[in-house]
Protein backbone atom coordinates (compact mmCIF):
# COMPACT_ATOMS: atom_id res chain seq x y z
CA MET A 1 80.68 93.76 79.49
CA ALA A 2 80.75 96.83 77.69
CA ALA A 3 80.95 97.27 73.65
CA TYR A 4 83.73 99.30 72.11
CA LEU A 5 81.77 102.25 70.45
CA GLU A 6 84.12 101.35 67.18
CA ASN A 7 86.64 98.86 66.51
CA THR A 8 87.72 99.09 63.27
CA SER A 9 90.86 96.87 60.94
CA ILE A 10 93.44 99.16 59.70
CA VAL A 11 96.60 98.47 57.52
CA PRO A 12 99.41 100.88 57.28
CA ARG A 13 99.32 101.66 53.20
CA ALA A 14 102.84 103.68 51.54
CA ALA A 15 101.77 107.37 51.18
CA ALA A 16 104.12 107.97 47.60
CA SER A 17 101.11 109.10 45.79
CA ARG A 18 100.78 112.33 48.47
CA GLY A 19 104.49 112.78 47.63
CA ASP A 20 107.51 114.23 50.19
CA ILE A 21 106.16 115.62 53.84
CA CYS A 22 107.30 118.92 52.82
CA GLN A 23 105.65 121.12 56.29
CA LEU A 24 103.80 120.03 59.33
CA SER A 25 102.14 122.93 61.31
CA THR A 26 101.11 122.45 65.17
CA PRO A 27 101.48 118.72 64.92
CA GLY A 28 100.89 115.90 67.96
CA ILE A 29 103.55 113.24 68.19
CA ALA A 30 105.21 110.65 70.04
CA ILE A 31 107.39 107.18 69.46
CA VAL A 32 105.91 104.11 70.28
CA GLY A 33 107.04 100.59 69.22
CA GLY A 34 110.23 102.15 67.05
CA THR A 35 107.73 104.13 65.21
CA LEU A 36 107.26 108.41 65.18
CA TYR A 37 103.82 108.64 64.90
CA VAL A 38 102.47 112.35 64.01
CA GLY A 39 99.25 113.19 63.63
CA MET A 40 96.36 116.19 63.51
CA GLY A 41 97.53 119.27 62.36
CA GLY A 42 98.34 120.48 59.03
CA PHE A 43 100.62 119.11 55.91
CA ALA A 44 102.00 120.35 53.17
CA PHE A 45 103.55 117.82 50.68
CA SER A 46 105.75 118.18 47.58
CA SER A 47 103.42 116.92 45.09
CA GLY A 48 101.00 119.80 45.72
CA ASN A 49 102.02 123.44 46.24
CA SER A 50 103.33 124.57 49.86
CA SER A 51 99.76 125.18 50.73
CA THR A 52 99.00 123.34 54.23
CA VAL A 53 95.98 120.69 54.05
CA ASN A 54 93.86 118.97 56.79
CA LEU A 55 94.07 115.80 56.95
CA ASN A 56 92.20 112.33 59.20
CA SER A 57 95.42 110.32 59.09
CA ILE A 58 98.12 109.85 61.42
CA PHE A 59 101.48 109.09 59.94
CA GLY A 60 104.49 106.40 60.89
CA ILE A 61 107.99 107.13 60.32
CA PRO A 62 109.56 103.35 61.41
CA LEU A 63 113.14 104.33 62.68
CA ASN A 64 114.97 100.91 62.17
CA ASN A 65 116.37 102.66 59.04
CA SER A 66 118.70 106.12 58.84
CA PHE A 67 117.17 108.86 57.03
CA PRO A 68 118.11 112.13 55.89
CA VAL A 69 116.34 114.89 57.91
CA HIS A 70 116.74 119.12 57.82
CA SER A 71 114.74 118.46 54.14
CA SER A 72 111.36 117.18 53.39
CA VAL A 73 110.52 113.49 54.81
CA SER A 74 110.73 111.16 51.64
CA ALA A 75 107.66 109.46 50.87
CA ASP A 76 109.54 106.01 51.00
CA SER A 77 110.48 106.67 54.95
CA TYR A 78 106.31 107.03 56.12
CA TYR A 79 103.67 105.16 55.31
CA GLU A 80 99.91 106.57 56.39
CA ILE A 81 97.25 104.90 58.64
CA SER A 82 93.53 106.47 57.40
CA ILE A 83 91.24 107.09 60.15
CA SER A 84 87.40 105.75 60.05
CA SER A 85 86.13 107.67 63.37
CA THR A 86 84.50 110.25 63.98
CA SER A 87 86.17 110.81 67.37
CA PHE A 88 89.31 111.78 66.07
CA PRO A 89 90.80 115.42 66.47
CA GLU A 90 89.04 117.68 63.88
CA ALA A 91 91.75 117.87 61.06
CA GLY A 92 93.85 120.77 61.35
CA VAL A 93 93.81 121.30 65.47
CA GLN A 94 96.43 120.82 67.98
CA GLY A 95 95.20 117.90 69.81
CA THR A 96 96.97 116.07 72.44
CA ILE A 97 98.67 113.01 72.46
CA LEU A 98 99.19 110.84 75.28
CA TYR A 99 100.76 107.32 75.08
CA THR A 100 101.73 103.83 76.52
CA ASN A 101 103.79 101.52 75.23
CA THR A 102 101.48 100.04 72.56
CA SER A 103 98.76 102.76 72.31
CA LEU A 104 98.12 106.28 71.46
CA TYR A 105 95.47 108.62 72.32
CA PHE A 106 94.49 111.22 70.52
CA TYR A 107 92.40 113.73 72.45
CA ASP A 108 90.56 116.94 71.22
CA PRO A 109 89.51 118.91 74.18
CA VAL A 110 89.08 122.69 71.68
CA PHE A 111 85.67 124.14 72.70
CA PRO A 112 83.04 122.21 72.04
CA ARG A 113 84.40 119.38 70.92
CA ASP A 114 83.00 115.56 72.07
CA THR A 115 84.59 115.04 75.46
CA THR A 116 82.65 111.58 75.87
CA SER A 117 85.34 110.12 73.81
CA ILE A 118 88.67 109.08 72.85
CA PHE A 119 90.09 107.94 69.66
CA THR A 120 92.99 105.78 70.22
CA TYR A 121 95.39 103.76 67.95
CA ASN A 122 97.11 100.36 68.93
CA ALA A 123 99.96 100.02 67.45
CA GLU A 124 101.08 96.26 68.57
CA THR A 125 97.58 95.46 67.12
CA ASN A 126 97.41 97.52 64.25
CA THR A 127 93.47 98.54 65.63
CA GLN A 128 92.13 101.69 66.19
CA ARG A 129 89.46 102.26 68.53
CA THR A 130 87.02 105.15 69.77
CA LEU A 131 86.71 104.01 73.52
CA SER A 132 83.98 105.56 76.02
CA VAL A 133 85.06 108.25 78.59
CA ASN A 134 84.09 107.92 82.53
CA GLY A 135 84.82 110.93 84.75
CA SER A 136 82.90 113.16 82.52
CA ASP A 137 83.09 115.98 85.23
CA ASN A 138 86.92 115.59 85.57
CA TYR A 139 88.11 115.48 81.95
CA PRO A 140 90.70 118.45 80.63
CA PHE A 141 88.10 120.80 78.51
CA GLN A 142 89.70 124.13 76.94
CA ASN A 143 90.49 125.77 73.99
CA THR A 144 94.41 126.10 74.78
CA GLN A 145 96.36 122.79 76.21
CA GLY A 146 97.72 122.65 79.62
CA GLY A 147 100.41 120.33 80.64
CA ILE A 148 100.67 116.75 79.36
CA ALA A 149 103.09 113.75 79.99
CA SER A 150 102.98 110.21 79.82
CA ASP A 151 104.91 107.49 81.58
CA PRO A 152 104.97 104.44 78.97
CA SER A 153 106.13 102.01 81.06
CA SER A 154 103.18 101.90 83.76
CA GLY A 155 100.53 103.61 81.12
CA ARG A 156 99.39 106.42 83.52
CA MET A 157 98.89 109.50 81.42
CA PHE A 158 98.91 112.93 83.14
CA TYR A 159 97.60 116.11 82.09
CA THR A 160 97.12 119.37 84.02
CA GLY A 161 96.46 122.87 83.92
CA HIS A 162 95.35 124.87 80.69
CA PHE A 163 93.08 127.95 80.45
CA GLU A 164 89.54 128.40 79.03
CA GLY A 165 87.89 131.13 77.58
CA THR A 166 84.05 132.21 77.78
CA GLU A 167 82.35 130.10 75.87
CA GLY A 168 85.18 128.60 74.00
CA SER A 169 86.21 132.10 71.92
CA ASP A 170 89.76 132.21 71.06
CA THR A 171 89.89 136.26 71.84
CA SER A 172 88.16 136.27 74.80
CA PRO A 173 91.08 136.41 78.27
CA PRO A 174 92.19 133.28 79.38
CA THR A 175 90.96 132.00 82.67
CA ALA A 176 92.38 129.04 84.55
CA LYS A 177 90.47 126.31 84.83
CA ARG A 178 90.85 123.08 87.16
CA PRO A 179 94.62 123.30 88.15
CA TRP A 180 94.68 120.03 89.22
CA LEU A 181 96.25 116.80 87.73
CA GLN A 182 94.22 114.76 86.12
CA ILE A 183 95.19 110.72 84.76
CA LEU A 184 94.09 109.08 82.01
CA TYR A 185 93.30 105.08 83.07
CA GLU A 186 92.32 102.33 80.24
CA ASP A 187 90.67 99.19 81.45
CA GLY A 188 91.62 97.19 79.11
CA ARG A 189 88.73 94.97 79.76
CA ASN A 190 86.04 97.45 79.82
CA ASN A 191 86.69 99.18 76.81
CA THR A 192 86.47 102.53 78.78
CA VAL A 193 88.70 105.36 79.73
CA THR A 194 88.71 107.09 83.25
CA TRP A 195 89.63 110.52 83.68
CA LEU A 196 91.17 110.17 87.67
CA GLU A 197 91.47 113.01 89.77
CA GLY A 198 94.66 114.09 91.30
CA ALA A 199 96.06 116.51 94.00
CA GLY A 200 95.27 120.08 93.38
CA GLY A 201 97.49 123.18 94.12
CA GLY A 202 100.07 122.69 91.25
CA PRO A 203 100.77 124.89 88.09
CA GLU A 204 98.33 126.14 85.72
CA LEU A 205 100.02 125.18 82.65
CA TYR A 206 99.93 127.26 79.11
CA GLY A 207 102.64 127.02 76.27
CA ALA A 208 104.27 125.39 78.86
CA ALA A 209 106.82 121.61 79.23
CA MET A 210 105.71 118.52 81.91
CA HIS A 211 107.72 115.46 81.78
CA TYR A 212 107.99 111.86 84.02
CA LEU A 213 111.10 111.23 85.47
CA ARG A 214 112.00 108.38 87.13
CA TYR A 215 112.32 109.53 90.82
CA GLY A 216 111.09 108.90 94.05
CA LYS A 217 108.76 105.78 94.74
CA GLU A 218 106.25 106.14 91.55
CA GLY A 219 108.01 108.64 89.60
CA ILE A 220 107.62 112.37 89.36
CA LEU A 221 106.27 114.66 87.08
CA VAL A 222 108.62 118.59 86.13
CA ALA A 223 106.96 121.45 84.82
CA PHE A 224 108.05 124.60 83.95
CA GLY A 225 107.47 127.78 81.84
CA GLY A 226 104.57 128.95 79.68
CA LEU A 227 102.12 132.15 80.31
CA VAL A 228 101.16 133.27 83.62
CA PRO A 229 97.78 132.56 84.04
CA GLY A 230 95.22 135.25 83.00
CA ASN A 231 97.66 137.21 81.66
CA LEU A 232 98.64 136.95 77.80
CA THR A 233 101.99 139.15 77.83
CA GLU A 234 103.79 137.71 80.92
CA THR A 235 105.43 134.33 81.07
CA ARG A 236 106.94 132.33 83.96
CA ASP A 237 110.46 132.80 85.09
CA PHE A 238 112.89 129.72 84.40
CA LYS A 239 114.21 129.91 87.68
CA ASN A 240 110.58 128.11 88.67
CA ILE A 241 110.66 124.55 88.79
CA TYR A 242 107.24 122.15 89.56
CA VAL A 243 108.00 118.96 90.95
CA PHE A 244 105.03 116.15 91.57
CA ASP A 245 105.51 112.98 93.25
CA ILE A 246 103.37 110.58 92.27
CA SER A 247 103.64 108.40 95.35
CA SER A 248 102.86 111.43 97.71
CA GLN A 249 100.26 113.56 95.51
CA VAL A 250 102.69 116.52 96.36
CA TRP A 251 103.78 119.21 94.51
CA TYR A 252 107.01 121.47 95.29
CA LEU A 253 108.52 124.53 94.14
CA VAL A 254 112.07 124.19 93.32
CA GLU A 255 114.56 127.08 92.09
CA ALA A 256 116.46 126.43 89.29
CA THR A 257 119.98 128.30 89.02
CA GLY A 258 121.93 128.76 85.92
CA ALA A 259 125.30 126.43 86.07
CA PHE A 260 127.18 130.04 85.68
CA ASN A 261 125.52 132.09 86.11
CA ASP A 262 121.83 133.98 85.63
CA SER A 263 122.77 134.13 81.74
CA GLN A 264 122.31 130.61 81.39
CA ILE A 265 118.64 130.39 82.60
CA PRO A 266 116.44 131.01 79.20
CA GLY A 267 114.25 134.27 79.10
CA PRO A 268 110.96 134.33 78.51
CA ARG A 269 109.38 132.58 75.87
CA GLN A 270 106.25 130.21 75.48
CA LEU A 271 105.14 127.71 72.96
CA PHE A 272 108.40 126.11 72.85
CA CYS A 273 109.47 122.19 72.75
CA THR A 274 111.02 119.83 75.31
CA GLY A 275 112.53 116.37 75.34
CA LEU A 276 113.86 114.10 77.92
CA SER A 277 117.16 112.05 77.84
CA ALA A 278 119.26 110.38 80.56
CA ALA A 279 122.65 109.23 81.29
CA PRO A 280 123.18 105.40 80.83
CA ASP A 281 123.71 104.93 84.38
CA SER A 282 120.70 106.75 85.17
CA SER A 283 122.62 109.93 87.47
CA THR A 284 121.40 112.48 85.67
CA PHE A 285 118.13 113.65 83.16
CA GLN A 286 118.36 116.01 80.66
CA ILE A 287 115.22 117.99 79.76
CA THR A 288 116.18 120.38 76.28
CA MET A 289 114.48 123.15 75.22
CA PHE A 290 114.30 124.35 71.88
CA GLY A 291 113.01 127.46 70.10
CA GLY A 292 109.41 129.19 71.50
CA LEU A 293 107.93 132.51 70.70
CA LEU A 294 108.03 135.90 73.14
CA SER A 295 104.52 136.54 74.41
CA ASP A 296 104.24 139.00 72.47
CA GLU A 297 104.63 137.35 69.42
CA SER A 298 107.09 140.01 67.97
CA GLU A 299 110.58 137.70 68.44
CA ILE A 300 111.04 133.87 67.79
CA ARG A 301 113.83 132.12 70.07
CA ASN A 302 116.68 129.95 68.16
CA ARG A 303 118.67 128.94 71.28
CA ILE A 304 118.89 125.48 72.77
CA PHE A 305 118.71 125.01 76.87
CA THR A 306 119.08 121.81 79.46
CA LEU A 307 117.65 121.99 82.44
CA ILE A 308 120.16 118.80 84.67
CA ILE A 309 118.29 117.16 86.97
CA PRO A 310 118.69 116.44 90.54
CA THR A 311 121.00 119.37 90.43
CA PHE A 312 118.43 121.85 89.11
CA GLN A 313 121.26 123.36 86.88
CA TRP A 314 120.33 125.58 83.37
CA LEU A 315 122.57 125.19 80.74
CA GLU A 316 122.73 126.78 77.41
CA VAL A 317 123.80 124.47 74.55
CA THR A 318 123.11 126.37 71.75
CA PRO A 319 125.68 125.11 68.55
CA ARG A 320 128.04 127.77 67.89
CA ASN A 321 126.36 128.35 64.32
CA LEU A 322 123.49 129.44 65.78
CA LEU A 323 125.48 131.52 67.96
CA SER A 324 126.62 133.17 64.94
CA GLY A 325 123.54 133.59 62.87
CA THR A 326 123.37 130.55 60.64
CA GLY A 327 122.33 126.96 61.04
CA ASP A 328 118.51 126.33 62.12
CA ASP A 329 116.05 128.88 62.23
CA SER A 330 114.18 129.46 65.42
CA ARG A 331 110.45 128.25 65.52
CA TRP A 332 107.70 128.13 67.88
CA ASN A 333 104.59 125.48 68.48
CA HIS A 334 106.57 122.65 66.97
CA GLN A 335 106.63 119.06 68.94
CA CYS A 336 110.23 117.38 70.80
CA THR A 337 110.78 113.88 71.27
CA VAL A 338 113.71 111.76 71.98
CA TRP A 339 115.13 108.55 70.62
CA GLN A 340 117.24 106.13 72.76
CA ASP A 341 118.23 108.92 75.01
CA ASN A 342 120.13 110.35 72.12
CA GLN A 343 118.51 111.89 69.34
CA MET A 344 115.87 114.63 69.20
CA PHE A 345 113.05 114.67 67.09
CA VAL A 346 111.88 118.34 66.50
CA VAL A 347 108.72 118.24 64.21
CA GLY A 348 106.67 120.65 62.38
CA GLY A 349 105.74 124.52 64.28
CA HIS A 350 106.01 127.98 62.53
CA VAL A 351 109.14 130.10 61.32
CA SER A 352 107.80 133.21 61.18
CA SER A 353 105.60 135.61 63.97
CA ALA A 354 102.21 134.81 65.10
CA SER A 355 101.81 137.94 63.56
CA GLY A 356 102.72 137.29 60.36
CA ASN A 357 102.27 134.61 57.51
CA ILE A 358 102.99 131.41 59.60
CA TYR A 359 103.13 129.29 56.60
CA THR A 360 106.05 129.07 54.63
CA ASP A 361 107.77 127.66 51.13
CA CYS A 362 108.58 124.05 51.81
CA GLU A 363 112.54 124.88 51.23
CA ASP A 364 111.83 127.26 54.19
CA ASN A 365 110.72 125.49 56.87
CA PRO A 366 111.79 121.66 57.05
CA PRO A 367 109.54 119.93 59.10
CA LEU A 368 111.94 117.21 60.50
CA LEU A 369 114.72 118.09 62.47
CA ILE A 370 116.95 115.86 64.89
CA LEU A 371 118.92 116.88 67.47
CA ASP A 372 122.07 115.34 69.07
CA THR A 373 121.55 114.91 72.70
CA ASN A 374 124.91 113.44 73.18
CA THR A 375 127.17 116.41 71.77
CA PHE A 376 124.23 119.15 71.36
CA GLU A 377 124.98 119.47 67.40
CA TRP A 378 122.52 119.22 64.92
CA LYS A 379 122.35 116.28 62.95
CA ASP A 380 122.06 115.28 59.07
CA ARG A 381 120.74 111.67 59.07
CA PHE A 382 119.00 110.13 61.84
CA ASP A 383 121.35 106.91 63.11
CA PRO A 384 119.05 103.72 64.86
CA THR A 385 122.66 102.59 65.72
CA GLN A 386 123.40 105.49 67.99
CA ASN A 387 124.01 105.18 71.48
CA ALA A 388 123.46 107.41 73.94
CA SER A 389 126.32 108.67 75.99
CA GLN A 390 126.55 111.72 78.74
CA PRO A 391 127.37 114.45 76.97
CA ARG A 392 130.70 116.22 77.57
CA ALA A 393 128.89 119.56 78.70
CA ILE A 394 127.28 117.98 81.22
CA PHE A 395 129.70 115.69 83.03
CA GLU A 396 132.25 118.63 82.96
CA LEU A 397 129.66 120.37 85.34
CA VAL A 398 128.40 118.22 87.67
CA GLY A 399 131.62 115.19 87.23
CA GLY A 400 131.59 111.47 86.20
CA ASP A 401 132.19 110.58 82.20
CA ALA A 402 130.61 109.68 79.07
CA ASN A 403 128.39 106.59 80.88
CA GLY A 404 127.49 108.89 83.93
CA GLY A 405 128.77 108.68 87.46
CA ASN A 406 127.11 111.82 88.58
CA THR A 407 127.15 112.38 92.67
CA LYS A 408 125.68 114.94 93.37
CA LYS A 409 121.80 114.37 94.31
CA ALA A 410 120.68 118.04 94.71
CA PRO A 411 121.57 121.65 94.26
CA ALA A 412 123.98 123.49 95.26
CA ALA A 413 122.33 124.56 98.22
CA GLY A 414 120.11 121.89 98.91
CA PHE A 415 116.32 121.46 98.62
CA ASN A 416 114.15 123.60 100.91
CA ASN A 417 112.38 120.65 102.07
CA PRO A 418 114.49 117.05 103.26
CA ALA A 419 111.31 115.16 101.26
CA LEU A 420 112.48 116.06 98.32
CA SER A 421 116.04 114.60 99.09
CA THR A 422 114.52 111.66 99.66
CA ILE A 423 112.80 111.85 96.18
CA PHE A 424 115.69 112.25 94.46
CA ALA A 425 117.99 109.92 95.94
CA ASN A 426 116.04 106.93 94.49
CA VAL A 427 116.29 107.06 90.96
CA LEU A 428 113.59 104.18 89.49
CA PRO A 429 115.17 101.57 86.98
CA ARG A 430 114.62 101.88 83.64
CA ILE A 431 112.24 99.89 81.75
CA THR A 432 113.47 99.31 78.44
CA ALA A 433 110.25 100.18 75.58
CA PRO A 434 109.33 98.00 72.79
CA THR A 435 111.55 98.89 69.85
CA SER A 436 109.20 96.87 67.46
CA PHE A 437 106.45 94.72 66.88
CA VAL A 438 106.65 91.57 65.15
CA THR A 439 103.22 91.46 63.50
CA ALA A 440 100.15 93.15 63.54
CA VAL A 441 96.45 92.00 64.60
CA GLU A 442 93.42 92.81 62.98
CA ALA A 443 89.75 92.96 64.03
CA SER A 444 86.41 93.18 62.14
CA PRO A 445 84.07 95.88 63.50
CA SER A 446 81.47 93.26 64.79
CA THR A 447 83.94 90.22 65.96
CA THR A 448 86.48 89.37 68.68
CA THR A 449 89.89 90.11 67.46
CA THR A 450 92.17 87.22 65.42
CA SER A 451 95.25 87.02 64.98
CA ALA A 452 96.85 88.64 61.12
CA THR A 453 100.25 88.15 59.86
CA THR A 454 100.11 92.05 57.95
CA SER A 455 103.48 93.22 59.28
CA LEU A 456 104.07 96.77 60.35
CA PRO A 457 107.33 98.57 59.26
CA THR A 458 109.27 97.97 62.20
CA GLY A 459 112.34 98.96 64.25
CA GLY A 460 115.12 97.01 65.45
CA GLY A 461 114.96 94.20 67.83
CA LEU A 462 112.21 93.88 70.27
CA SER A 463 114.03 94.56 73.96
CA SER A 464 112.66 93.03 77.25
CA ARG A 465 109.10 93.06 76.59
CA SER A 466 108.01 90.65 79.09
CA LYS A 467 109.39 93.11 81.77
CA VAL A 468 107.14 96.28 80.33
CA ALA A 469 104.30 96.77 82.21
CA ILE A 470 101.18 97.76 80.02
CA ILE A 471 97.68 98.52 81.03
CA ALA A 472 96.84 100.32 77.87
CA GLY A 473 94.69 97.13 76.29
CA SER A 474 97.59 94.87 75.84
CA VAL A 475 97.98 93.19 78.66
CA SER A 476 95.31 89.90 78.24
CA GLY A 477 95.15 89.19 81.80
CA GLY A 478 97.45 86.76 84.21
CA ILE A 479 99.32 87.35 86.54
CA VAL A 480 100.57 90.54 84.87
CA PHE A 481 97.03 92.05 84.58
CA LEU A 482 96.07 91.36 88.11
CA ALA A 483 99.30 92.69 89.34
CA LEU A 484 98.38 96.02 87.49
CA ILE A 485 95.26 96.09 89.11
CA ALA A 486 96.15 95.61 92.46
CA GLY A 487 98.58 98.36 92.24
CA PHE A 488 96.15 100.68 91.15
CA ILE A 489 93.97 99.68 93.89
CA TYR A 490 96.75 100.36 96.37
CA TYR A 491 97.70 103.66 94.98
CA PHE A 492 94.11 105.42 94.23
CA TRP A 493 92.76 103.89 98.17
CA SER A 494 95.57 104.96 99.65
CA ARG A 495 95.45 108.22 97.94
CA ARG A 496 91.90 108.50 99.12
CA ARG A 497 92.48 108.02 102.58
CA ARG A 498 95.31 110.71 102.73
CA LEU A 499 93.13 113.38 100.99
CA GLY A 500 90.01 112.38 102.32
CA TYR A 501 87.15 112.01 98.90
CA ASP A 502 85.93 110.09 96.83
CA LEU A 503 87.52 108.27 93.76
CA PRO A 504 85.80 106.15 90.77
CA PRO A 505 85.14 102.70 92.04
CA ILE A 506 88.48 100.50 90.72
CA VAL A 507 87.90 96.99 88.81
CA ILE A 508 89.46 94.21 90.14
CA GLY A 509 87.81 91.37 88.13
CA TYR A 510 85.06 89.95 86.56
CA ASP A 511 82.27 87.40 87.29
CA SER A 512 81.24 85.00 85.06
CA ASN A 513 78.77 86.78 82.79
CA GLY A 514 82.03 88.93 81.87
CA ASN A 515 81.01 91.94 84.21
CA PRO A 516 83.27 93.98 86.06
CA VAL A 517 83.16 93.68 90.20
CA TYR A 518 84.55 96.86 91.76
CA ASN A 519 86.32 97.79 94.85
CA GLY A 520 83.77 99.16 96.70
CA SER A 521 81.20 101.92 96.00
CA PHE A 522 83.32 104.93 95.80
CA GLY A 523 80.38 107.08 94.68
CA GLY A 524 80.99 110.09 92.50
CA ILE A 525 84.43 111.95 91.51
CA GLY A 526 85.47 114.11 94.57
CA HIS A 527 85.48 118.12 94.17
CA TYR A 528 87.64 120.80 96.04
CA SER A 529 85.59 123.29 98.02
CA ASN A 530 89.10 125.39 98.78
CA ASN A 531 89.71 126.88 95.20
CA SER A 532 93.21 127.49 97.06
CA PHE A 533 94.13 124.35 98.02
CA GLY A 534 96.53 125.00 99.82
CA GLY A 535 94.82 125.40 103.85
CA ILE A 536 93.07 122.43 103.78
CA LEU A 537 94.56 120.96 106.17
CA GLY A 538 94.80 124.46 108.25
CA THR A 539 98.23 125.10 106.38
CA PRO A 540 98.58 128.58 105.48
CA PRO A 541 98.72 128.76 101.28
CA VAL A 542 101.19 131.10 99.90
CA SER A 543 100.80 132.86 97.07
CA GLU A 544 104.75 134.41 96.22
CA ILE A 545 107.58 132.27 96.95
CA LEU A 546 110.77 132.31 94.96
CA GLY A 547 109.92 136.07 93.94
CA GLY A 548 106.62 136.29 93.09
CA VAL A 549 104.95 132.78 91.68
CA ASP A 550 101.58 133.15 90.00
CA HIS A 551 99.24 131.27 91.86
CA THR A 552 98.94 129.96 95.32
CA LEU A 553 101.30 127.35 96.35
CA PRO A 554 101.85 125.72 99.84
CA ILE A 555 105.22 126.32 101.47
CA GLY A 556 108.06 123.87 100.97
CA GLY A 557 105.93 121.29 98.96
CA ILE A 558 103.17 120.70 101.62
CA ALA A 559 100.68 118.50 100.37
CA ALA A 560 97.84 120.64 98.30
CA ARG A 561 94.83 118.59 99.37
């Protein structure tokens, strides 16, 4: 049985000696187990000056208590986790955080970093590890980030698109690389992760957004915005929404409309942030977008828009105080995530243009903002007791009430493919994620893990943990583990049959010596032989759909194989 490259016990500790966090630049963030984790990027603290410092640390902000926002993050509101691993992304860079319901994966794909290992922190067991990476010919590798999305309940983590300059030079013209879907899968028993190759023909994303939504048989990915591939001065039209059906491995293109007219559709921008929320009954989902930067770096945006799904309507929801020129500043290269469908954290970013000084005094750039996604108003404090409701601006548009009740399952003009109607007619059940972990488990570097009593700062009570499907190392065998493995075997084997190329072997069990037993010998990861991806099955690819899409997509969502 393969061994961890590293397995080090770590204990959260208060970072009061550093002082309040007063500024964050280019962070990576995720909410896992009722804690907002922030890592990578640059930090400034009130105990020093306003210049940023780069740290090999993860900062955790427990979400079990109320705390003020739109100001520095108080030293008693967070703890610091020191990282001993050399595989943690280089301090100061904007790496990628993928996550499950228990673990965070910090991936730094910037040239020429190591792509054979991934650093992971397990919030439930309070351990850090470095995992070996299989599928090395399929890993994401570029000097600017592509589109990322996580389905925490199943442990599937998705990456697509990105750009790569010549030999990693930041000044060379970017070229699109590997515009196919990559899925990160951890074998919890074999201590490795593998980049599995998904369907091609999707959008090549940079400075864009991508989210996992609970539609169809196994969920979908929704992506939009960012720069046009190979062009640093042109951004995508926000009418073009890309939808990937995970079950059928098909990309679709859906045309969004403005809620009342085209003025409701966001103008051109990149490096904005988005957060996903849903009505209590899951009859609508909203992807809320804030900020961003013009492609020529001349102007920063401060408007707020939300994409309503499944009607695919854009609605501007900017609070009036921003419309009048006051309130929260514009920002770019920030990150967003939503807590319990009702409060969107806006973390870090810059408030000055890229052509000027992007670092400002602590008072000018608060590291943490919160947008109430029930009302689309800025909040002064985080409230862990607040419940989610469908915003009035949404249900006045699509029908229903604060609990949901939307009966519209498609855009006003309908979908351009009947398969989309089927996909959006089925909403998968909500799986409650853990909001706290009762105890931490420590492990010495050279021994197997043993229980310990060290407690992590926790949030509210743990909800339905027995219902959460977790494949990122926390599932410890038994029926749940076998069911998950069987599901992955079926998913990727059926996909292999459909697409006709080889995939990595799937572990289906272990022999008496602890060695993995695989489902056949599939060989290596297959590669596409047609760069356009659209005509392999005899379907002619189309390079212009909906007024000028910037890359090849098949008509109406025919499988891009």
